[in-house]
N, C-alpha and C. Protein backbone atom coordinates (compact mmCIF):
# COMPACT_ATOMS: atom_id res chain seq x y z
N THR A 1 12.45 -0.21 -41.48
CA THR A 1 11.52 -0.19 -42.62
C THR A 1 12.11 0.62 -43.79
N PRO A 2 11.76 0.26 -45.01
CA PRO A 2 12.26 1.02 -46.16
C PRO A 2 11.85 2.49 -46.13
N VAL A 3 10.65 2.76 -45.62
CA VAL A 3 10.18 4.14 -45.55
C VAL A 3 11.08 4.97 -44.66
N GLY A 4 11.44 4.42 -43.52
CA GLY A 4 12.33 5.11 -42.59
C GLY A 4 13.67 5.41 -43.23
N LYS A 5 14.20 4.45 -43.96
CA LYS A 5 15.49 4.64 -44.62
C LYS A 5 15.39 5.73 -45.69
N THR A 6 14.29 5.72 -46.43
CA THR A 6 14.11 6.73 -47.48
C THR A 6 14.04 8.13 -46.87
N ALA A 7 13.29 8.26 -45.79
CA ALA A 7 13.15 9.56 -45.14
C ALA A 7 14.50 10.02 -44.61
N GLU A 8 15.26 9.11 -44.04
CA GLU A 8 16.57 9.44 -43.49
C GLU A 8 17.50 9.87 -44.61
N ARG A 9 17.43 9.17 -45.73
CA ARG A 9 18.31 9.46 -46.85
C ARG A 9 18.00 10.83 -47.44
N SER A 10 16.73 11.12 -47.64
CA SER A 10 16.37 12.41 -48.23
C SER A 10 16.77 13.56 -47.31
N PHE A 11 16.68 13.33 -46.00
CA PHE A 11 17.12 14.36 -45.05
C PHE A 11 18.61 14.60 -45.21
N LYS A 12 19.37 13.51 -45.31
CA LYS A 12 20.81 13.64 -45.50
C LYS A 12 21.14 14.32 -46.81
N ASP A 13 20.39 14.00 -47.86
CA ASP A 13 20.61 14.63 -49.16
C ASP A 13 20.35 16.13 -49.07
N GLU A 14 19.29 16.52 -48.37
CA GLU A 14 18.99 17.94 -48.20
C GLU A 14 20.13 18.64 -47.48
N GLU A 15 20.64 18.00 -46.43
CA GLU A 15 21.77 18.55 -45.69
C GLU A 15 22.98 18.68 -46.61
N PHE A 16 23.21 17.64 -47.41
CA PHE A 16 24.34 17.63 -48.32
C PHE A 16 24.21 18.76 -49.34
N ILE A 17 23.02 18.91 -49.90
CA ILE A 17 22.78 19.96 -50.90
C ILE A 17 23.03 21.33 -50.28
N LYS A 18 22.58 21.52 -49.05
CA LYS A 18 22.78 22.79 -48.35
C LYS A 18 24.27 23.05 -48.15
N ASP A 19 24.98 22.03 -47.68
CA ASP A 19 26.43 22.15 -47.47
C ASP A 19 27.14 22.38 -48.80
N PHE A 20 26.73 21.65 -49.82
CA PHE A 20 27.35 21.76 -51.14
C PHE A 20 27.18 23.18 -51.68
N ASP A 21 26.01 23.75 -51.47
CA ASP A 21 25.72 25.12 -51.90
C ASP A 21 26.65 26.09 -51.18
N GLU A 22 26.83 25.86 -49.89
CA GLU A 22 27.70 26.70 -49.07
C GLU A 22 29.14 26.61 -49.55
N ILE A 23 29.59 25.38 -49.82
CA ILE A 23 30.94 25.16 -50.32
C ILE A 23 31.10 25.83 -51.68
N GLY A 24 30.08 25.66 -52.52
CA GLY A 24 30.11 26.27 -53.85
C GLY A 24 30.29 27.78 -53.79
N LYS A 25 29.60 28.42 -52.85
CA LYS A 25 29.71 29.87 -52.68
C LYS A 25 31.13 30.25 -52.28
N LYS A 26 31.71 29.48 -51.35
CA LYS A 26 33.07 29.76 -50.89
C LYS A 26 34.08 29.56 -52.02
N VAL A 27 33.90 28.48 -52.77
CA VAL A 27 34.79 28.20 -53.89
C VAL A 27 34.68 29.31 -54.94
N ALA A 28 33.45 29.70 -55.25
CA ALA A 28 33.23 30.75 -56.23
C ALA A 28 33.89 32.05 -55.79
N GLU A 29 33.77 32.36 -54.51
CA GLU A 29 34.37 33.57 -53.96
C GLU A 29 35.88 33.50 -54.05
N ALA A 30 36.43 32.33 -53.70
CA ALA A 30 37.88 32.16 -53.69
C ALA A 30 38.48 32.19 -55.09
N THR A 31 37.73 31.67 -56.07
CA THR A 31 38.27 31.54 -57.43
C THR A 31 37.81 32.66 -58.35
N LYS A 32 37.04 33.61 -57.81
CA LYS A 32 36.48 34.68 -58.64
C LYS A 32 37.57 35.43 -59.40
N ASP A 33 38.64 35.79 -58.69
CA ASP A 33 39.74 36.52 -59.34
C ASP A 33 40.37 35.69 -60.44
N LEU A 34 40.55 34.39 -60.16
CA LEU A 34 41.13 33.50 -61.16
C LEU A 34 40.24 33.42 -62.40
N TRP A 35 38.93 33.26 -62.17
CA TRP A 35 37.98 33.21 -63.29
C TRP A 35 38.08 34.47 -64.12
N GLU A 36 38.08 35.62 -63.45
CA GLU A 36 38.12 36.90 -64.16
C GLU A 36 39.41 37.05 -64.94
N THR A 37 40.54 36.63 -64.34
CA THR A 37 41.83 36.71 -65.02
C THR A 37 41.83 35.84 -66.27
N GLU A 38 41.39 34.59 -66.12
CA GLU A 38 41.35 33.67 -67.26
C GLU A 38 40.39 34.17 -68.33
N TYR A 39 39.26 34.71 -67.89
CA TYR A 39 38.26 35.24 -68.81
C TYR A 39 38.86 36.39 -69.63
N GLN A 40 39.57 37.27 -68.96
CA GLN A 40 40.20 38.40 -69.65
C GLN A 40 41.24 37.91 -70.66
N LYS A 41 41.99 36.87 -70.28
CA LYS A 41 42.99 36.30 -71.20
C LYS A 41 42.30 35.82 -72.47
N ILE A 42 41.19 35.10 -72.30
CA ILE A 42 40.45 34.57 -73.44
C ILE A 42 39.90 35.72 -74.29
N LYS A 43 39.32 36.70 -73.62
CA LYS A 43 38.71 37.82 -74.34
C LYS A 43 39.77 38.62 -75.10
N THR A 44 40.97 38.75 -74.54
CA THR A 44 42.01 39.53 -75.23
C THR A 44 42.66 38.72 -76.34
N LYS A 45 42.58 37.38 -76.25
CA LYS A 45 43.13 36.53 -77.31
C LYS A 45 42.28 36.61 -78.57
N GLU A 46 40.97 36.63 -78.42
CA GLU A 46 40.07 36.52 -79.55
C GLU A 46 40.26 37.61 -80.61
N PRO A 47 40.34 38.89 -80.23
CA PRO A 47 40.53 39.91 -81.27
C PRO A 47 41.84 39.74 -82.04
N SER A 48 42.89 39.30 -81.37
CA SER A 48 44.18 39.15 -82.03
C SER A 48 44.16 38.04 -83.08
N LYS A 49 43.25 37.08 -82.91
CA LYS A 49 43.10 36.02 -83.91
C LYS A 49 42.58 36.59 -85.23
N THR A 50 41.63 37.50 -85.15
CA THR A 50 40.98 38.03 -86.35
C THR A 50 41.87 39.04 -87.07
N GLN A 51 42.81 39.65 -86.38
CA GLN A 51 43.68 40.65 -86.99
C GLN A 51 44.66 40.04 -87.98
């Protein structure tokens, strides 16, 4: 039945969202240093432009 398929799909989507959130946290943790390094590069570039 279509109802059964919909219920199954939404359950899978919830699982996916949960897993995606978990992956996102791991990725964020792993790339945190990179983000901070790149951010600092950008922040240090900006004042030199105005000088």
